PDB file of all heavy atoms in Angstrom:
ATOM      1  N   LEU A   1      19.643  34.558 -16.994  1.00  0.00           N
ATOM      2  CA  LEU A   1      18.311  33.969 -16.717  1.00  0.00           C
ATOM      3  C   LEU A   1      17.838  34.503 -15.339  1.00  0.00           C
ATOM      4  O   LEU A   1      18.630  34.649 -14.435  1.00  0.00           O
ATOM      5  CB  LEU A   1      18.442  32.436 -16.643  1.00  0.00           C
ATOM      6  CG  LEU A   1      17.140  31.706 -16.496  1.00  0.00           C
ATOM      7  CD1 LEU A   1      16.232  31.905 -17.757  1.00  0.00           C
ATOM      8  CD2 LEU A   1      17.412  30.142 -16.312  1.00  0.00           C
ATOM      9  N   ALA A   2      16.564  34.815 -15.285  1.00  0.00           N
ATOM     10  CA  ALA A   2      16.009  35.450 -14.087  1.00  0.00           C
ATOM     11  C   ALA A   2      16.210  34.618 -12.823  1.00  0.00           C
ATOM     12  O   ALA A   2      15.990  33.416 -12.794  1.00  0.00           O
ATOM     13  CB  ALA A   2      14.503  35.717 -14.292  1.00  0.00           C
ATOM     14  N   SER A   3      16.599  35.312 -11.749  1.00  0.00           N
ATOM     15  CA  SER A   3      16.705  34.652 -10.415  1.00  0.00           C
ATOM     16  C   SER A   3      15.372  34.166  -9.981  1.00  0.00           C
ATOM     17  O   SER A   3      15.288  33.109  -9.329  1.00  0.00           O
ATOM     18  CB  SER A   3      17.222  35.662  -9.393  1.00  0.00           C
ATOM     19  OG  SER A   3      18.513  36.153  -9.743  1.00  0.00           O
ATOM     20  N   PHE A   4      14.265  34.884 -10.311  1.00  0.00           N
ATOM     21  CA  PHE A   4      12.945  34.561  -9.789  1.00  0.00           C
ATOM     22  C   PHE A   4      11.990  34.300 -10.902  1.00  0.00           C
ATOM     23  O   PHE A   4      12.119  34.800 -12.037  1.00  0.00           O
ATOM     24  CB  PHE A   4      12.472  35.717  -8.903  1.00  0.00           C
ATOM     25  CG  PHE A   4      13.415  36.087  -7.827  1.00  0.00           C
ATOM     26  CD1 PHE A   4      13.787  37.416  -7.674  1.00  0.00           C
ATOM     27  CD2 PHE A   4      13.947  35.142  -6.956  1.00  0.00           C
ATOM     28  CE1 PHE A   4      14.669  37.785  -6.639  1.00  0.00           C
ATOM     29  CE2 PHE A   4      14.838  35.545  -5.937  1.00  0.00           C
ATOM     30  CZ  PHE A   4      15.225  36.819  -5.791  1.00  0.00           C
ATOM     31  N   GLU A   5      10.917  33.587 -10.620  1.00  0.00           N
ATOM     32  CA  GLU A   5       9.797  33.422 -11.504  1.00  0.00           C
ATOM     33  C   GLU A   5       9.285  34.814 -11.912  1.00  0.00           C
ATOM     34  O   GLU A   5       9.208  35.715 -11.041  1.00  0.00           O
ATOM     35  CB  GLU A   5       8.674  32.619 -10.929  1.00  0.00           C
ATOM     36  CG  GLU A   5       9.016  31.189 -10.601  1.00  0.00           C
ATOM     37  CD  GLU A   5       7.981  30.499  -9.735  1.00  0.00           C
ATOM     38  OE1 GLU A   5       7.152  31.197  -9.129  1.00  0.00           O
ATOM     39  OE2 GLU A   5       7.984  29.251  -9.687  1.00  0.00           O
ATOM     40  N   GLY A   6       8.988  35.046 -13.190  1.00  0.00           N
ATOM     41  CA  GLY A   6       8.684  36.370 -13.654  1.00  0.00           C
ATOM     42  C   GLY A   6       7.339  36.934 -13.239  1.00  0.00           C
ATOM     43  O   GLY A   6       6.329  36.176 -13.170  1.00  0.00           O
ATOM     44  N   SER A   7       7.326  38.195 -12.986  1.00  0.00           N
ATOM     45  CA  SER A   7       6.067  38.944 -12.715  1.00  0.00           C
ATOM     46  C   SER A   7       5.826  39.852 -13.930  1.00  0.00           C
ATOM     47  O   SER A   7       6.797  40.259 -14.610  1.00  0.00           O
ATOM     48  CB  SER A   7       6.170  39.770 -11.451  1.00  0.00           C
ATOM     49  OG  SER A   7       6.458  38.956 -10.347  1.00  0.00           O
ATOM     50  N   ILE A   8       4.586  40.211 -14.189  1.00  0.00           N
ATOM     51  CA  ILE A   8       4.279  41.230 -15.230  1.00  0.00           C
ATOM     52  C   ILE A   8       3.675  42.381 -14.519  1.00  0.00           C
ATOM     53  O   ILE A   8       2.615  42.311 -13.913  1.00  0.00           O
ATOM     54  CB  ILE A   8       3.340  40.625 -16.302  1.00  0.00           C
ATOM     55  CG1 ILE A   8       4.049  39.471 -17.044  1.00  0.00           C
ATOM     56  CG2 ILE A   8       2.941  41.706 -17.302  1.00  0.00           C
ATOM     57  CD1 ILE A   8       3.202  38.847 -18.089  1.00  0.00           C
ATOM     58  N   ASN A   9       4.305  43.554 -14.697  1.00  0.00           N
ATOM     59  CA  ASN A   9       3.819  44.788 -13.983  1.00  0.00           C
ATOM     60  C   ASN A   9       2.740  45.491 -14.760  1.00  0.00           C
ATOM     61  O   ASN A   9       2.313  45.011 -15.823  1.00  0.00           O
ATOM     62  CB  ASN A   9       5.024  45.702 -13.676  1.00  0.00           C
ATOM     63  CG  ASN A   9       5.707  46.269 -14.966  1.00  0.00           C
ATOM     64  OD1 ASN A   9       5.122  46.213 -16.051  1.00  0.00           O
ATOM     65  ND2 ASN A   9       6.879  46.771 -14.814  1.00  0.00           N
ATOM     66  N   ILE A  10       2.281  46.588 -14.274  1.00  0.00           N
ATOM     67  CA  ILE A  10       1.153  47.258 -14.881  1.00  0.00           C
ATOM     68  C   ILE A  10       1.518  47.849 -16.235  1.00  0.00           C
ATOM     69  O   ILE A  10       0.620  48.145 -17.072  1.00  0.00           O
ATOM     70  CB  ILE A  10       0.576  48.371 -13.965  1.00  0.00           C
ATOM     71  CG1 ILE A  10       1.677  49.398 -13.628  1.00  0.00           C
ATOM     72  CG2 ILE A  10      -0.005  47.788 -12.683  1.00  0.00           C
ATOM     73  CD1 ILE A  10       1.148  50.567 -12.824  1.00  0.00           C
ATOM     74  N   GLU A  11       2.804  48.053 -16.500  1.00  0.00           N
ATOM     75  CA  GLU A  11       3.218  48.498 -17.838  1.00  0.00           C
ATOM     76  C   GLU A  11       3.351  47.342 -18.861  1.00  0.00           C
ATOM     77  O   GLU A  11       3.727  47.566 -20.025  1.00  0.00           O
ATOM     78  CB  GLU A  11       4.580  49.212 -17.722  1.00  0.00           C
ATOM     79  CG  GLU A  11       4.509  50.594 -17.101  1.00  0.00           C
ATOM     80  CD  GLU A  11       4.559  50.511 -15.543  1.00  0.00           C
ATOM     81  OE1 GLU A  11       5.021  49.470 -15.049  1.00  0.00           O
ATOM     82  OE2 GLU A  11       4.205  51.462 -14.900  1.00  0.00           O
ATOM     83  N   GLY A  12       3.096  46.144 -18.370  1.00  0.00           N
ATOM     84  CA  GLY A  12       3.147  44.999 -19.281  1.00  0.00           C
ATOM     85  C   GLY A  12       4.553  44.478 -19.492  1.00  0.00           C
ATOM     86  O   GLY A  12       4.855  43.736 -20.446  1.00  0.00           O
ATOM     87  N   MET A  13       5.442  44.719 -18.538  1.00  0.00           N
ATOM     88  CA  MET A  13       6.845  44.242 -18.635  1.00  0.00           C
ATOM     89  C   MET A  13       7.094  43.035 -17.769  1.00  0.00           C
ATOM     90  O   MET A  13       6.609  42.949 -16.642  1.00  0.00           O
ATOM     91  CB  MET A  13       7.788  45.366 -18.142  1.00  0.00           C
ATOM     92  CG  MET A  13       7.606  46.700 -18.861  1.00  0.00           C
ATOM     93  SD  MET A  13       8.520  48.058 -17.999  1.00  0.00           S
ATOM     94  CE  MET A  13      10.214  47.592 -18.392  1.00  0.00           C
ATOM     95  N   LEU A  14       7.726  42.040 -18.340  1.00  0.00           N
ATOM     96  CA  LEU A  14       8.130  40.842 -17.587  1.00  0.00           C
ATOM     97  C   LEU A  14       9.351  41.219 -16.753  1.00  0.00           C
ATOM     98  O   LEU A  14      10.396  41.649 -17.307  1.00  0.00           O
ATOM     99  CB  LEU A  14       8.422  39.695 -18.469  1.00  0.00           C
ATOM    100  CG  LEU A  14       8.822  38.348 -17.770  1.00  0.00           C
ATOM    101  CD1 LEU A  14       7.685  37.840 -16.978  1.00  0.00           C
ATOM    102  CD2 LEU A  14       9.253  37.328 -18.837  1.00  0.00           C
ATOM    103  N   ILE A  15       9.259  41.049 -15.430  1.00  0.00           N
ATOM    104  CA  ILE A  15      10.363  41.490 -14.569  1.00  0.00           C
ATOM    105  C   ILE A  15      10.716  40.365 -13.591  1.00  0.00           C
ATOM    106  O   ILE A  15       9.941  39.480 -13.356  1.00  0.00           O
ATOM    107  CB  ILE A  15      10.024  42.770 -13.768  1.00  0.00           C
ATOM    108  CG1 ILE A  15       8.753  42.517 -12.903  1.00  0.00           C
ATOM    109  CG2 ILE A  15       9.791  43.942 -14.705  1.00  0.00           C
ATOM    110  CD1 ILE A  15       8.373  43.704 -11.994  1.00  0.00           C
ATOM    111  N   SER A  16      11.965  40.503 -13.065  1.00  0.00           N
ATOM    112  CA  SER A  16      12.429  39.508 -12.062  1.00  0.00           C
ATOM    113  C   SER A  16      12.866  40.306 -10.831  1.00  0.00           C
ATOM    114  O   SER A  16      13.963  40.975 -10.878  1.00  0.00           O
ATOM    115  CB  SER A  16      13.581  38.717 -12.612  1.00  0.00           C
ATOM    116  OG  SER A  16      14.152  37.928 -11.638  1.00  0.00           O
ATOM    117  N   THR A  17      12.093  40.244  -9.779  1.00  0.00           N
ATOM    118  CA  THR A  17      12.419  40.945  -8.598  1.00  0.00           C
ATOM    119  C   THR A  17      11.761  40.299  -7.389  1.00  0.00           C
ATOM    120  O   THR A  17      10.918  39.417  -7.522  1.00  0.00           O
ATOM    121  CB  THR A  17      12.017  42.490  -8.692  1.00  0.00           C
ATOM    122  OG1 THR A  17      12.483  43.212  -7.588  1.00  0.00           O
ATOM    123  CG2 THR A  17      10.431  42.592  -8.734  1.00  0.00           C
ATOM    124  N   ALA A  18      12.240  40.665  -6.235  1.00  0.00           N
ATOM    125  CA  ALA A  18      11.715  40.040  -4.989  1.00  0.00           C
ATOM    126  C   ALA A  18      10.374  40.613  -4.545  1.00  0.00           C
ATOM    127  O   ALA A  18      10.032  41.710  -4.949  1.00  0.00           O
ATOM    128  CB  ALA A  18      12.749  40.195  -3.853  1.00  0.00           C
ATOM    129  N   SER A  19       9.694  39.817  -3.700  1.00  0.00           N
ATOM    130  CA  SER A  19       8.456  40.293  -3.080  1.00  0.00           C
ATOM    131  C   SER A  19       7.337  40.553  -4.072  1.00  0.00           C
ATOM    132  O   SER A  19       6.523  41.476  -3.925  1.00  0.00           O
ATOM    133  CB  SER A  19       8.741  41.514  -2.226  1.00  0.00           C
ATOM    134  OG  SER A  19       9.655  41.228  -1.157  1.00  0.00           O
ATOM    135  N   GLN A  20       7.275  39.740  -5.154  1.00  0.00           N
ATOM    136  CA  GLN A  20       6.252  39.844  -6.160  1.00  0.00           C
ATOM    137  C   GLN A  20       5.516  38.569  -6.309  1.00  0.00           C
ATOM    138  O   GLN A  20       6.092  37.475  -6.045  1.00  0.00           O
ATOM    139  CB  GLN A  20       6.872  40.270  -7.473  1.00  0.00           C
ATOM    140  CG  GLN A  20       7.526  41.650  -7.501  1.00  0.00           C
ATOM    141  CD  GLN A  20       6.592  42.765  -7.333  1.00  0.00           C
ATOM    142  OE1 GLN A  20       5.527  42.807  -7.947  1.00  0.00           O
ATOM    143  NE2 GLN A  20       6.911  43.727  -6.441  1.00  0.00           N
ATOM    144  N   THR A  21       4.276  38.588  -6.703  1.00  0.00           N
ATOM    145  CA  THR A  21       3.537  37.417  -7.081  1.00  0.00           C
ATOM    146  C   THR A  21       3.836  37.073  -8.523  1.00  0.00           C
ATOM    147  O   THR A  21       3.655  37.959  -9.402  1.00  0.00           O
ATOM    148  CB  THR A  21       1.981  37.616  -6.933  1.00  0.00           C
ATOM    149  OG1 THR A  21       1.710  37.972  -5.578  1.00  0.00           O
ATOM    150  CG2 THR A  21       1.242  36.362  -7.339  1.00  0.00           C
ATOM    151  N   SER A  22       4.401  35.907  -8.794  1.00  0.00           N
ATOM    152  CA  SER A  22       4.801  35.584 -10.146  1.00  0.00           C
ATOM    153  C   SER A  22       3.520  35.459 -11.049  1.00  0.00           C
ATOM    154  O   SER A  22       2.521  35.039 -10.629  1.00  0.00           O
ATOM    155  CB  SER A  22       5.652  34.311 -10.213  1.00  0.00           C
ATOM    156  OG  SER A  22       4.973  33.227  -9.630  1.00  0.00           O
ATOM    157  N   ALA A  23       3.756  35.824 -12.292  1.00  0.00           N
ATOM    158  CA  ALA A  23       2.644  35.877 -13.254  1.00  0.00           C
ATOM    159  C   ALA A  23       2.241  34.453 -13.731  1.00  0.00           C
ATOM    160  O   ALA A  23       3.042  33.576 -13.797  1.00  0.00           O
ATOM    161  CB  ALA A  23       3.038  36.737 -14.448  1.00  0.00           C
ATOM    162  N   ALA A  24       0.969  34.346 -14.023  1.00  0.00           N
ATOM    163  CA  ALA A  24       0.393  33.101 -14.566  1.00  0.00           C
ATOM    164  C   ALA A  24      -0.774  33.479 -15.436  1.00  0.00           C
ATOM    165  O   ALA A  24      -1.160  34.637 -15.611  1.00  0.00           O
ATOM    166  CB  ALA A  24       0.011  32.145 -13.465  1.00  0.00           C
ATOM    167  N   SER A  25      -1.462  32.455 -15.955  1.00  0.00           N
ATOM    168  CA  SER A  25      -2.624  32.658 -16.765  1.00  0.00           C
ATOM    169  C   SER A  25      -2.393  33.533 -17.949  1.00  0.00           C
ATOM    170  O   SER A  25      -3.230  34.361 -18.368  1.00  0.00           O
ATOM    171  CB  SER A  25      -3.832  33.155 -15.932  1.00  0.00           C
ATOM    172  OG  SER A  25      -4.154  32.236 -14.897  1.00  0.00           O
ATOM    173  N   LYS A  26      -1.156  33.440 -18.530  1.00  0.00           N
ATOM    174  CA  LYS A  26      -0.803  34.152 -19.712  1.00  0.00           C
ATOM    175  C   LYS A  26      -0.320  33.179 -20.775  1.00  0.00           C
ATOM    176  O   LYS A  26       0.268  32.093 -20.367  1.00  0.00           O
ATOM    177  CB  LYS A  26       0.334  35.146 -19.440  1.00  0.00           C
ATOM    178  CG  LYS A  26       0.099  36.178 -18.416  1.00  0.00           C
ATOM    179  CD  LYS A  26      -0.860  37.262 -18.914  1.00  0.00           C
ATOM    180  CE  LYS A  26      -1.049  38.367 -17.837  1.00  0.00           C
ATOM    181  NZ  LYS A  26      -2.042  39.384 -18.337  1.00  0.00           N
ATOM    182  N   THR A  27      -0.517  33.422 -22.055  1.00  0.00           N
ATOM    183  CA  THR A  27       0.010  32.521 -23.037  1.00  0.00           C
ATOM    184  C   THR A  27       1.521  32.705 -23.182  1.00  0.00           C
ATOM    185  O   THR A  27       2.102  33.736 -22.700  1.00  0.00           O
ATOM    186  CB  THR A  27      -0.613  32.801 -24.426  1.00  0.00           C
ATOM    187  OG1 THR A  27      -0.219  34.127 -24.892  1.00  0.00           O
ATOM    188  CG2 THR A  27      -2.108  32.690 -24.389  1.00  0.00           C
ATOM    189  N   MET A  28       2.152  31.750 -23.848  1.00  0.00           N
ATOM    190  CA  MET A  28       3.599  31.847 -24.080  1.00  0.00           C
ATOM    191  C   MET A  28       3.916  33.124 -24.859  1.00  0.00           C
ATOM    192  O   MET A  28       4.885  33.859 -24.518  1.00  0.00           O
ATOM    193  CB  MET A  28       4.056  30.627 -24.887  1.00  0.00           C
ATOM    194  CG  MET A  28       5.488  30.544 -25.127  1.00  0.00           C
ATOM    195  SD  MET A  28       5.963  29.028 -25.958  1.00  0.00           S
ATOM    196  CE  MET A  28       7.695  29.198 -26.106  1.00  0.00           C
ATOM    197  N   ALA A  29       3.086  33.426 -25.860  1.00  0.00           N
ATOM    198  CA  ALA A  29       3.337  34.679 -26.659  1.00  0.00           C
ATOM    199  C   ALA A  29       3.213  35.925 -25.821  1.00  0.00           C
ATOM    200  O   ALA A  29       4.018  36.889 -25.993  1.00  0.00           O
ATOM    201  CB  ALA A  29       2.355  34.719 -27.791  1.00  0.00           C
ATOM    202  N   GLU A  30       2.294  35.896 -24.833  1.00  0.00           N
ATOM    203  CA  GLU A  30       2.176  37.129 -23.964  1.00  0.00           C
ATOM    204  C   GLU A  30       3.401  37.238 -23.110  1.00  0.00           C
ATOM    205  O   GLU A  30       3.851  38.404 -22.855  1.00  0.00           O
ATOM    206  CB  GLU A  30       0.894  36.949 -23.132  1.00  0.00           C
ATOM    207  CG  GLU A  30      -0.375  37.163 -23.936  1.00  0.00           C
ATOM    208  CD  GLU A  30      -1.617  36.909 -23.101  1.00  0.00           C
ATOM    209  OE1 GLU A  30      -1.684  35.893 -22.381  1.00  0.00           O
ATOM    210  OE2 GLU A  30      -2.561  37.741 -23.149  1.00  0.00           O
ATOM    211  N   PHE A  31       3.969  36.173 -22.586  1.00  0.00           N
ATOM    212  CA  PHE A  31       5.182  36.243 -21.780  1.00  0.00           C
ATOM    213  C   PHE A  31       6.333  36.746 -22.657  1.00  0.00           C
ATOM    214  O   PHE A  31       7.158  37.570 -22.179  1.00  0.00           O
ATOM    215  CB  PHE A  31       5.529  34.897 -21.169  1.00  0.00           C
ATOM    216  CG  PHE A  31       4.834  34.586 -19.888  1.00  0.00           C
ATOM    217  CD1 PHE A  31       3.818  33.624 -19.794  1.00  0.00           C
ATOM    218  CD2 PHE A  31       5.171  35.260 -18.736  1.00  0.00           C
ATOM    219  CE1 PHE A  31       3.231  33.364 -18.603  1.00  0.00           C
ATOM    220  CE2 PHE A  31       4.526  35.044 -17.538  1.00  0.00           C
ATOM    221  CZ  PHE A  31       3.546  34.023 -17.440  1.00  0.00           C
ATOM    222  N   VAL A  32       6.470  36.254 -23.874  1.00  0.00           N
ATOM    223  CA  VAL A  32       7.589  36.682 -24.731  1.00  0.00           C
ATOM    224  C   VAL A  32       7.462  38.160 -25.066  1.00  0.00           C
ATOM    225  O   VAL A  32       8.450  38.918 -25.000  1.00  0.00           O
ATOM    226  CB  VAL A  32       7.616  35.835 -26.015  1.00  0.00           C
ATOM    227  CG1 VAL A  32       8.587  36.433 -27.028  1.00  0.00           C
ATOM    228  CG2 VAL A  32       7.996  34.385 -25.670  1.00  0.00           C
ATOM    229  N   THR A  33       6.215  38.627 -25.368  1.00  0.00           N
ATOM    230  CA  THR A  33       6.010  40.037 -25.666  1.00  0.00           C
ATOM    231  C   THR A  33       6.374  40.871 -24.470  1.00  0.00           C
ATOM    232  O   THR A  33       7.017  41.943 -24.586  1.00  0.00           O
ATOM    233  CB  THR A  33       4.561  40.292 -26.023  1.00  0.00           C
ATOM    234  OG1 THR A  33       4.250  39.564 -27.230  1.00  0.00           O
ATOM    235  CG2 THR A  33       4.260  41.765 -26.255  1.00  0.00           C
TER     236      THR A  33
END
């Protein structure tokens, strides 16, 4: 399980890394994709 709240990068990947603004305003399906 991710250490950090997930961010979505410009390639559309959900990632877990430091010094990022965590993603929001996405549907559940968009996060899963």
